[in-house]
Amino acid sequence: MPDPILVHQSAVNMTRPITHFQVFGERRSGTTYLRSLMEQNLKAKAVHHYGWKHGFMTVPAVSSEALIICIVRDPLEWILSLHATPFAAEPQLKELSLSKFLRAEWDSIARPAGQGWRNAGYRQNMSLRGEVLQLDRHPIEGRRFHNILEMRTVKLRAHIGMTQRFAHACVVTLDDARDRPEMLVDALESRFGLARSGPFKPIQEYVGNKGNPPSASLDDLSPEDHEFIQKGLDWTLERPFGYDLTTQTAKA
């Protein structure tokens, strides 16, 4: 029976053992935390060379010895966190109120070093700094995302699609990684045959890029903003993760 912590998962093919893993997920979704949790408790090696972790799958192939694990965050938490720290976004986006930020077209600026291009398997050409980050455009249509809600939806659909691409892939929530970390590690060990490195070790300190403190709260969302979010997200994708705008509250 599928483990509920692994909200989406591939049909497991255990003919070859998993030797390494890569984490994917949108900015401010806990990618570095999840990688650190797995590195600290599992023997499989963390890698980055299957592409930019905040983008889409862009490499020609992925090893059958790899686990691709994607992480998603509560949408309201994520909106507030991204508004406070919109990494690599166009400068004008960083000055917007929460309400305007929700509705603004999204575009990102290329930062070859800061975005880890070399580690992600790309040529780290510093002359491209400041150009449009193509990895953050709509993967089919090539355009800017209409807003962050569309960006979240398209990327989440792509992350769920990883479970169709690869023999070893899953999608988990930051909620579980943060609140039930040992259960998550147990689920990965059981489902994918990942060897433990020893007794469970929780992450004791903050890891990853420290974001700015939230400059807005849920109280700053107007009824029109709530309606915009309700209509802008695909709840057939969100609800399997336990997310429902009518019942949830965000953690600041």
C-alpha atoms as a PDB file:
ATOM      1  CA  MET A   1       0.000   0.000   0.000  1.00  0.00           C
ATOM      2  CA  PRO A   2       1.436   3.428  -0.916  1.00  0.00           C
ATOM      3  CA  ASP A   3       2.771   5.442   2.001  1.00  0.00           C
ATOM      4  CA  PRO A   4       0.656   8.597   2.545  1.00  0.00           C
ATOM      5  CA  ILE A   5       3.786  10.624   3.292  1.00  0.00           C
ATOM      6  CA  LEU A   6       4.937   9.959  -0.275  1.00  0.00           C
ATOM      7  CA  VAL A   7       1.937  11.764  -1.746  1.00  0.00           C
ATOM      8  CA  HIS A   8       2.880  10.868  -5.320  1.00  0.00           C
ATOM      9  CA  GLN A   9       5.328   8.102  -6.135  1.00  0.00           C
ATOM     10  CA  SER A  10       6.551   6.081  -9.069  1.00  0.00           C
ATOM     11  CA  ALA A  11       6.105   2.375  -9.507  1.00  0.00           C
ATOM     12  CA  VAL A  12       9.298   1.162  -7.882  1.00  0.00           C
ATOM     13  CA  ASN A  13      11.785  -0.845  -9.933  1.00  0.00           C
ATOM     14  CA  MET A  14      14.328  -2.251  -7.507  1.00  0.00           C
ATOM     15  CA  THR A  15      16.489  -4.072 -10.061  1.00  0.00           C
ATOM     16  CA  ARG A  16      19.250  -1.537  -9.353  1.00  0.00           C
ATOM     17  CA  PRO A  17      19.949   0.005  -5.942  1.00  0.00           C
ATOM     18  CA  ILE A  18      19.610   3.759  -5.481  1.00  0.00           C
ATOM     19  CA  THR A  19      23.020   5.349  -5.040  1.00  0.00           C
ATOM     20  CA  HIS A  20      22.156   9.046  -5.266  1.00  0.00           C
ATOM     21  CA  PHE A  21      19.284  11.508  -5.151  1.00  0.00           C
ATOM     22  CA  GLN A  22      18.359  15.017  -6.214  1.00  0.00           C
ATOM     23  CA  VAL A  23      15.750  17.301  -4.687  1.00  0.00           C
ATOM     24  CA  PHE A  24      13.509  19.530  -6.811  1.00  0.00           C
ATOM     25  CA  GLY A  25      11.016  22.144  -5.667  1.00  0.00           C
ATOM     26  CA  GLU A  26      10.041  25.769  -6.051  1.00  0.00           C
ATOM     27  CA  ARG A  27      11.922  28.481  -4.172  1.00  0.00           C
ATOM     28  CA  ARG A  28      11.018  28.808  -0.491  1.00  0.00           C
ATOM     29  CA  SER A  29       9.715  25.231  -0.389  1.00  0.00           C
ATOM     30  CA  GLY A  30      12.356  23.550   1.770  1.00  0.00           C
ATOM     31  CA  THR A  31      14.607  22.001  -0.882  1.00  0.00           C
ATOM     32  CA  THR A  32      17.812  22.584   1.083  1.00  0.00           C
ATOM     33  CA  TYR A  33      16.227  21.378   4.313  1.00  0.00           C
ATOM     34  CA  LEU A  34      15.044  18.144   2.672  1.00  0.00           C
ATOM     35  CA  ARG A  35      18.424  17.525   1.076  1.00  0.00           C
ATOM     36  CA  SER A  36      20.144  18.062   4.434  1.00  0.00           C
ATOM     37  CA  LEU A  37      17.697  15.754   6.215  1.00  0.00           C
ATOM     38  CA  MET A  38      18.368  12.992   3.690  1.00  0.00           C
ATOM     39  CA  GLU A  39      22.140  13.529   3.680  1.00  0.00           C
ATOM     40  CA  GLN A  40      22.203  13.294   7.464  1.00  0.00           C
ATOM     41  CA  ASN A  41      20.206  10.061   7.647  1.00  0.00           C
ATOM     42  CA  LEU A  42      20.673   8.120   4.414  1.00  0.00           C
ATOM     43  CA  LYS A  43      23.733   6.695   2.678  1.00  0.00           C
ATOM     44  CA  ALA A  44      22.679   7.777  -0.814  1.00  0.00           C
ATOM     45  CA  LYS A  45      24.666  10.745  -2.126  1.00  0.00           C
ATOM     46  CA  ALA A  46      23.034  14.105  -2.813  1.00  0.00           C
ATOM     47  CA  VAL A  47      23.700  15.408  -6.337  1.00  0.00           C
ATOM     48  CA  HIS A  48      22.760  18.520  -8.311  1.00  0.00           C
ATOM     49  CA  HIS A  49      23.655  17.644 -11.898  1.00  0.00           C
ATOM     50  CA  TYR A  50      20.139  16.772 -13.095  1.00  0.00           C
ATOM     51  CA  GLY A  51      19.324  20.448 -13.547  1.00  0.00           C
ATOM     52  CA  TRP A  52      18.327  23.573 -11.646  1.00  0.00           C
ATOM     53  CA  LYS A  53      16.422  22.392  -8.603  1.00  0.00           C
ATOM     54  CA  HIS A  54      13.803  25.153  -8.815  1.00  0.00           C
ATOM     55  CA  GLY A  55      13.027  24.477 -12.461  1.00  0.00           C
ATOM     56  CA  PHE A  56      11.979  21.688 -14.769  1.00  0.00           C
ATOM     57  CA  MET A  57      13.683  18.484 -15.863  1.00  0.00           C
ATOM     58  CA  THR A  58      16.027  19.578 -18.658  1.00  0.00           C
ATOM     59  CA  VAL A  59      18.705  16.864 -18.862  1.00  0.00           C
ATOM     60  CA  PRO A  60      18.751  14.176 -21.585  1.00  0.00           C
ATOM     61  CA  ALA A  61      18.526  11.246 -19.160  1.00  0.00           C
ATOM     62  CA  VAL A  62      18.548  10.309 -15.481  1.00  0.00           C
ATOM     63  CA  SER A  63      20.268   7.250 -14.024  1.00  0.00           C
ATOM     64  CA  SER A  64      18.105   4.335 -12.932  1.00  0.00           C
ATOM     65  CA  GLU A  65      20.172   4.451  -9.725  1.00  0.00           C
ATOM     66  CA  ALA A  66      18.822   7.931  -8.906  1.00  0.00           C
ATOM     67  CA  LEU A  67      15.915   8.966  -6.709  1.00  0.00           C
ATOM     68  CA  ILE A  68      14.257  12.199  -7.817  1.00  0.00           C
ATOM     69  CA  ILE A  69      12.368  13.672  -4.866  1.00  0.00           C
ATOM     70  CA  CYS A  70      10.248  16.816  -5.128  1.00  0.00           C
ATOM     71  CA  ILE A  71       8.923  18.935  -2.288  1.00  0.00           C
ATOM     72  CA  VAL A  72       5.912  21.255  -2.136  1.00  0.00           C
ATOM     73  CA  ARG A  73       4.912  23.777   0.515  1.00  0.00           C
ATOM     74  CA  ASP A  74       1.566  24.977   1.855  1.00  0.00           C
ATOM     75  CA  PRO A  75       0.460  27.554  -0.758  1.00  0.00           C
ATOM     76  CA  LEU A  76      -0.265  30.392   1.651  1.00  0.00           C
ATOM     77  CA  GLU A  77       2.996  29.868   3.542  1.00  0.00           C
ATOM     78  CA  TRP A  78       4.778  29.783   0.214  1.00  0.00           C
ATOM     79  CA  ILE A  79       3.138  32.968  -1.092  1.00  0.00           C
ATOM     80  CA  LEU A  80       4.121  34.924   2.016  1.00  0.00           C
ATOM     81  CA  SER A  81       7.682  33.569   1.993  1.00  0.00           C
ATOM     82  CA  LEU A  82       8.225  34.163  -1.725  1.00  0.00           C
ATOM     83  CA  HIS A  83       6.859  37.699  -1.414  1.00  0.00           C
ATOM     84  CA  ALA A  84       9.363  38.385   1.370  1.00  0.00           C
ATOM     85  CA  THR A  85      12.301  36.813  -0.501  1.00  0.00           C
ATOM     86  CA  PRO A  86      11.703  36.533  -4.267  1.00  0.00           C
ATOM     87  CA  PHE A  87      15.093  35.111  -5.228  1.00  0.00           C
ATOM     88  CA  ALA A  88      16.345  36.197  -8.674  1.00  0.00           C
ATOM     89  CA  ALA A  89      13.086  37.923  -9.565  1.00  0.00           C
ATOM     90  CA  GLU A  90      13.021  41.096 -11.633  1.00  0.00           C
ATOM     91  CA  PRO A  91      13.820  44.032  -9.324  1.00  0.00           C
ATOM     92  CA  GLN A  92      10.413  45.681  -9.670  1.00  0.00           C
ATOM     93  CA  LEU A  93       8.701  42.580  -8.277  1.00  0.00           C
ATOM     94  CA  LYS A  94      10.560  43.018  -5.002  1.00  0.00           C
ATOM     95  CA  GLU A  95       8.906  46.365  -4.338  1.00  0.00           C
ATOM     96  CA  LEU A  96       5.282  45.281  -4.763  1.00  0.00           C
ATOM     97  CA  SER A  97       2.635  44.942  -2.091  1.00  0.00           C
ATOM     98  CA  LEU A  98       1.420  41.409  -1.466  1.00  0.00           C
ATOM     99  CA  SER A  99      -1.763  42.017  -3.444  1.00  0.00           C
ATOM    100  CA  LYS A 100       0.110  43.367  -6.478  1.00  0.00           C
ATOM    101  CA  PHE A 101       2.800  40.694  -6.166  1.00  0.00           C
ATOM    102  CA  LEU A 102       0.143  37.992  -6.497  1.00  0.00           C
ATOM    103  CA  ARG A 103      -1.047  39.439  -9.795  1.00  0.00           C
ATOM    104  CA  ALA A 104       2.257  40.456 -11.386  1.00  0.00           C
ATOM    105  CA  GLU A 105       3.798  38.641 -14.330  1.00  0.00           C
ATOM    106  CA  TRP A 106       6.789  36.615 -13.185  1.00  0.00           C
ATOM    107  CA  ASP A 107      10.225  36.760 -14.719  1.00  0.00           C
ATOM    108  CA  SER A 108      13.636  35.893 -13.324  1.00  0.00           C
ATOM    109  CA  ILE A 109      17.155  37.169 -13.823  1.00  0.00           C
ATOM    110  CA  ALA A 110      20.026  34.820 -14.653  1.00  0.00           C
ATOM    111  CA  ARG A 111      22.694  34.575 -11.947  1.00  0.00           C
ATOM    112  CA  PRO A 112      25.057  31.776 -13.073  1.00  0.00           C
ATOM    113  CA  ALA A 113      27.004  31.558  -9.799  1.00  0.00           C
ATOM    114  CA  GLY A 114      24.185  32.226  -7.345  1.00  0.00           C
ATOM    115  CA  GLN A 115      21.911  29.738  -9.081  1.00  0.00           C
ATOM    116  CA  GLY A 116      24.574  27.036  -9.146  1.00  0.00           C
ATOM    117  CA  TRP A 117      24.682  26.493 -12.874  1.00  0.00           C
ATOM    118  CA  ARG A 118      27.935  24.517 -12.801  1.00  0.00           C
ATOM    119  CA  ASN A 119      26.654  22.132 -10.131  1.00  0.00           C
ATOM    120  CA  ALA A 120      23.387  21.767 -12.048  1.00  0.00           C
ATOM    121  CA  GLY A 121      25.254  20.571 -15.121  1.00  0.00           C
ATOM    122  CA  TYR A 122      25.182  23.810 -17.124  1.00  0.00           C
ATOM    123  CA  ARG A 123      28.044  25.913 -18.437  1.00  0.00           C
ATOM    124  CA  GLN A 124      28.618  28.693 -15.915  1.00  0.00           C
ATOM    125  CA  ASN A 125      28.950  31.552 -18.397  1.00  0.00           C
ATOM    126  CA  MET A 126      29.201  34.694 -16.286  1.00  0.00           C
ATOM    127  CA  SER A 127      28.555  36.922 -19.313  1.00  0.00           C
ATOM    128  CA  LEU A 128      24.924  35.767 -19.120  1.00  0.00           C
ATOM    129  CA  ARG A 129      24.402  37.343 -15.713  1.00  0.00           C
ATOM    130  CA  GLY A 130      21.418  39.684 -15.914  1.00  0.00           C
ATOM    131  CA  GLU A 131      19.803  37.990 -18.910  1.00  0.00           C
ATOM    132  CA  VAL A 132      16.352  36.405 -18.689  1.00  0.00           C
ATOM    133  CA  LEU A 133      16.473  33.103 -16.806  1.00  0.00           C
ATOM    134  CA  GLN A 134      14.961  30.768 -19.381  1.00  0.00           C
ATOM    135  CA  LEU A 135      14.711  27.961 -16.827  1.00  0.00           C
ATOM    136  CA  ASP A 136      11.974  29.995 -15.127  1.00  0.00           C
ATOM    137  CA  ARG A 137       9.828  30.591 -18.225  1.00  0.00           C
ATOM    138  CA  HIS A 138       6.812  28.512 -19.246  1.00  0.00           C
ATOM    139  CA  PRO A 139       8.482  25.293 -20.472  1.00  0.00           C
ATOM    140  CA  ILE A 140       6.260  24.884 -23.549  1.00  0.00           C
ATOM    141  CA  GLU A 141       5.129  28.370 -24.522  1.00  0.00           C
ATOM    142  CA  GLY A 142       8.318  30.221 -23.606  1.00  0.00           C
ATOM    143  CA  ARG A 143       6.464  33.174 -22.114  1.00  0.00           C
ATOM    144  CA  ARG A 144       6.522  34.738 -18.685  1.00  0.00           C
ATOM    145  CA  PHE A 145       4.212  33.118 -16.189  1.00  0.00           C
ATOM    146  CA  HIS A 146       1.085  35.218 -15.803  1.00  0.00           C
ATOM    147  CA  ASN A 147       1.654  35.248 -12.036  1.00  0.00           C
ATOM    148  CA  ILE A 148       3.189  33.177  -9.241  1.00  0.00           C
ATOM    149  CA  LEU A 149       0.058  31.021  -8.985  1.00  0.00           C
ATOM    150  CA  GLU A 150       0.430  29.848 -12.570  1.00  0.00           C
ATOM    151  CA  MET A 151       4.147  29.262 -11.988  1.00  0.00           C
ATOM    152  CA  ARG A 152       3.380  27.133  -8.929  1.00  0.00           C
ATOM    153  CA  THR A 153       0.759  25.117 -10.795  1.00  0.00           C
ATOM    154  CA  VAL A 154       2.897  24.400 -13.858  1.00  0.00           C
ATOM    155  CA  LYS A 155       5.904  23.433 -11.749  1.00  0.00           C
ATOM    156  CA  LEU A 156       3.818  21.268  -9.424  1.00  0.00           C
ATOM    157  CA  ARG A 157       2.361  19.460 -12.414  1.00  0.00           C
ATOM    158  CA  ALA A 158       5.896  18.903 -13.689  1.00  0.00           C
ATOM    159  CA  HIS A 159       7.030  17.615 -10.296  1.00  0.00           C
ATOM    160  CA  ILE A 160       4.166  15.135 -10.133  1.00  0.00           C
ATOM    161  CA  GLY A 161       5.114  14.132 -13.677  1.00  0.00           C
ATOM    162  CA  MET A 162       8.533  13.045 -12.415  1.00  0.00           C
ATOM    163  CA  THR A 163       6.822   9.951 -11.025  1.00  0.00           C
ATOM    164  CA  GLN A 164       5.892   9.001 -14.594  1.00  0.00           C
ATOM    165  CA  ARG A 165       9.337   9.733 -16.003  1.00  0.00           C
ATOM    166  CA  PHE A 166      11.475   7.742 -13.591  1.00  0.00           C
ATOM    167  CA  ALA A 167      11.456   4.398 -11.796  1.00  0.00           C
ATOM    168  CA  HIS A 168      12.365   6.094  -8.528  1.00  0.00           C
ATOM    169  CA  ALA A 169      10.593   9.389  -7.873  1.00  0.00           C
ATOM    170  CA  CYS A 170       8.218  10.874  -5.327  1.00  0.00           C
ATOM    171  CA  VAL A 171       6.660  14.138  -4.165  1.00  0.00           C
ATOM    172  CA  VAL A 172       6.459  15.054  -0.469  1.00  0.00           C
ATOM    173  CA  THR A 173       5.401  18.087   1.548  1.00  0.00           C
ATOM    174  CA  LEU A 174       7.483  20.445   3.625  1.00  0.00           C
ATOM    175  CA  ASP A 175       4.852  19.943   6.328  1.00  0.00           C
ATOM    176  CA  ASP A 176       5.845  16.275   6.671  1.00  0.00           C
ATOM    177  CA  ALA A 177       9.572  16.893   6.253  1.00  0.00           C
ATOM    178  CA  ARG A 178       9.438  19.541   8.966  1.00  0.00           C
ATOM    179  CA  ASP A 179       6.875  18.050  11.369  1.00  0.00           C
ATOM    180  CA  ARG A 180       7.425  14.299  10.841  1.00  0.00           C
ATOM    181  CA  PRO A 181      11.010  14.034   9.610  1.00  0.00           C
ATOM    182  CA  GLU A 182      11.743  10.571  10.994  1.00  0.00           C
ATOM    183  CA  MET A 183       8.557   9.164   9.490  1.00  0.00           C
ATOM    184  CA  LEU A 184       9.573  10.623   6.138  1.00  0.00           C
ATOM    185  CA  VAL A 185      13.025   9.047   6.338  1.00  0.00           C
ATOM    186  CA  ASP A 186      11.403   5.740   7.332  1.00  0.00           C
ATOM    187  CA  ALA A 187       9.081   5.973   4.321  1.00  0.00           C
ATOM    188  CA  LEU A 188      11.974   6.587   1.931  1.00  0.00           C
ATOM    189  CA  GLU A 189      13.913   3.681   3.430  1.00  0.00           C
ATOM    190  CA  SER A 190      10.947   1.340   3.151  1.00  0.00           C
ATOM    191  CA  ARG A 191       9.652   2.348  -0.268  1.00  0.00           C
ATOM    192  CA  PHE A 192      12.910   2.826  -2.140  1.00  0.00           C
ATOM    193  CA  GLY A 193      15.282   0.562  -0.226  1.00  0.00           C
ATOM    194  CA  LEU A 194      17.506   3.436   0.883  1.00  0.00           C
ATOM    195  CA  ALA A 195      20.066   2.411   3.482  1.00  0.00           C
ATOM    196  CA  ARG A 196      20.172   4.363   6.741  1.00  0.00           C
ATOM    197  CA  SER A 197      23.465   5.839   7.861  1.00  0.00           C
ATOM    198  CA  GLY A 198      22.666   5.287  11.550  1.00  0.00           C
ATOM    199  CA  PRO A 199      20.139   6.324  14.208  1.00  0.00           C
ATOM    200  CA  PHE A 200      17.852   9.154  13.141  1.00  0.00           C
ATOM    201  CA  LYS A 201      19.386  12.628  13.384  1.00  0.00           C
ATOM    202  CA  PRO A 202      17.030  15.607  13.170  1.00  0.00           C
ATOM    203  CA  ILE A 203      18.057  18.888  11.608  1.00  0.00           C
ATOM    204  CA  GLN A 204      18.731  21.101  14.607  1.00  0.00           C
ATOM    205  CA  GLU A 205      19.578  24.388  12.903  1.00  0.00           C
ATOM    206  CA  TYR A 206      18.241  26.406  10.002  1.00  0.00           C
ATOM    207  CA  VAL A 207      19.761  25.334   6.691  1.00  0.00           C
ATOM    208  CA  GLY A 208      19.645  27.019   3.319  1.00  0.00           C
ATOM    209  CA  ASN A 209      19.454  30.644   2.323  1.00  0.00           C
ATOM    210  CA  LYS A 210      17.945  32.686   5.103  1.00  0.00           C
ATOM    211  CA  GLY A 211      15.001  34.616   3.765  1.00  0.00           C
ATOM    212  CA  ASN A 212      13.769  38.010   4.789  1.00  0.00           C
ATOM    213  CA  PRO A 213      11.156  38.133   7.548  1.00  0.00           C
ATOM    214  CA  PRO A 214       7.631  38.237   6.101  1.00  0.00           C
ATOM    215  CA  SER A 215       6.660  41.774   5.170  1.00  0.00           C
ATOM    216  CA  ALA A 216       2.988  40.818   4.989  1.00  0.00           C
ATOM    217  CA  SER A 217       0.635  38.391   6.700  1.00  0.00           C
ATOM    218  CA  LEU A 218      -2.606  36.607   5.967  1.00  0.00           C
ATOM    219  CA  ASP A 219      -4.410  39.617   7.373  1.00  0.00           C
ATOM    220  CA  ASP A 220      -3.123  41.616   4.420  1.00  0.00           C
ATOM    221  CA  LEU A 221      -5.007  39.388   1.979  1.00  0.00           C
ATOM    222  CA  SER A 222      -8.309  40.973   0.994  1.00  0.00           C
ATOM    223  CA  PRO A 223     -11.411  38.945   0.081  1.00  0.00           C
ATOM    224  CA  GLU A 224     -10.518  39.700  -3.549  1.00  0.00           C
ATOM    225  CA  ASP A 225      -7.023  38.304  -2.978  1.00  0.00           C
ATOM    226  CA  HIS A 226      -8.438  35.110  -1.479  1.00  0.00           C
ATOM    227  CA  GLU A 227     -10.751  34.749  -4.459  1.00  0.00           C
ATOM    228  CA  PHE A 228      -7.822  35.329  -6.828  1.00  0.00           C
ATOM    229  CA  ILE A 229      -5.812  32.592  -5.107  1.00  0.00           C
ATOM    230  CA  GLN A 230      -8.798  30.246  -5.067  1.00  0.00           C
ATOM    231  CA  LYS A 231      -9.270  30.650  -8.819  1.00  0.00           C
ATOM    232  CA  GLY A 232      -5.574  30.780  -9.655  1.00  0.00           C
ATOM    233  CA  LEU A 233      -4.487  27.440  -8.191  1.00  0.00           C
ATOM    234  CA  ASP A 234      -5.443  23.982  -9.415  1.00  0.00           C
ATOM    235  CA  TRP A 235      -6.998  22.377  -6.370  1.00  0.00           C
ATOM    236  CA  THR A 236      -7.104  18.956  -7.988  1.00  0.00           C
ATOM    237  CA  LEU A 237      -3.302  19.130  -7.661  1.00  0.00           C
ATOM    238  CA  GLU A 238      -3.230  20.815  -4.252  1.00  0.00           C
ATOM    239  CA  ARG A 239      -5.791  18.791  -2.289  1.00  0.00           C
ATOM    240  CA  PRO A 240      -3.937  15.439  -2.360  1.00  0.00           C
ATOM    241  CA  PHE A 241      -1.238  17.220  -0.340  1.00  0.00           C
ATOM    242  CA  GLY A 242      -3.812  18.294   2.227  1.00  0.00           C
ATOM    243  CA  TYR A 243      -4.047  21.881   1.013  1.00  0.00           C
ATOM    244  CA  ASP A 244      -7.445  23.563   0.910  1.00  0.00           C
ATOM    245  CA  LEU A 245      -7.813  27.327   0.999  1.00  0.00           C
ATOM    246  CA  THR A 246     -11.169  27.120   2.758  1.00  0.00           C
ATOM    247  CA  THR A 247      -9.698  25.387   5.820  1.00  0.00           C
ATOM    248  CA  GLN A 248      -5.978  26.093   6.017  1.00  0.00           C
ATOM    249  CA  THR A 249      -4.029  28.806   7.772  1.00  0.00           C
ATOM    250  CA  ALA A 250      -0.464  29.665   6.959  1.00  0.00           C
ATOM    251  CA  LYS A 251       2.429  29.503   9.388  1.00  0.00           C
ATOM    252  CA  ALA A 252       4.231  32.816   9.420  1.00  0.00           C
END
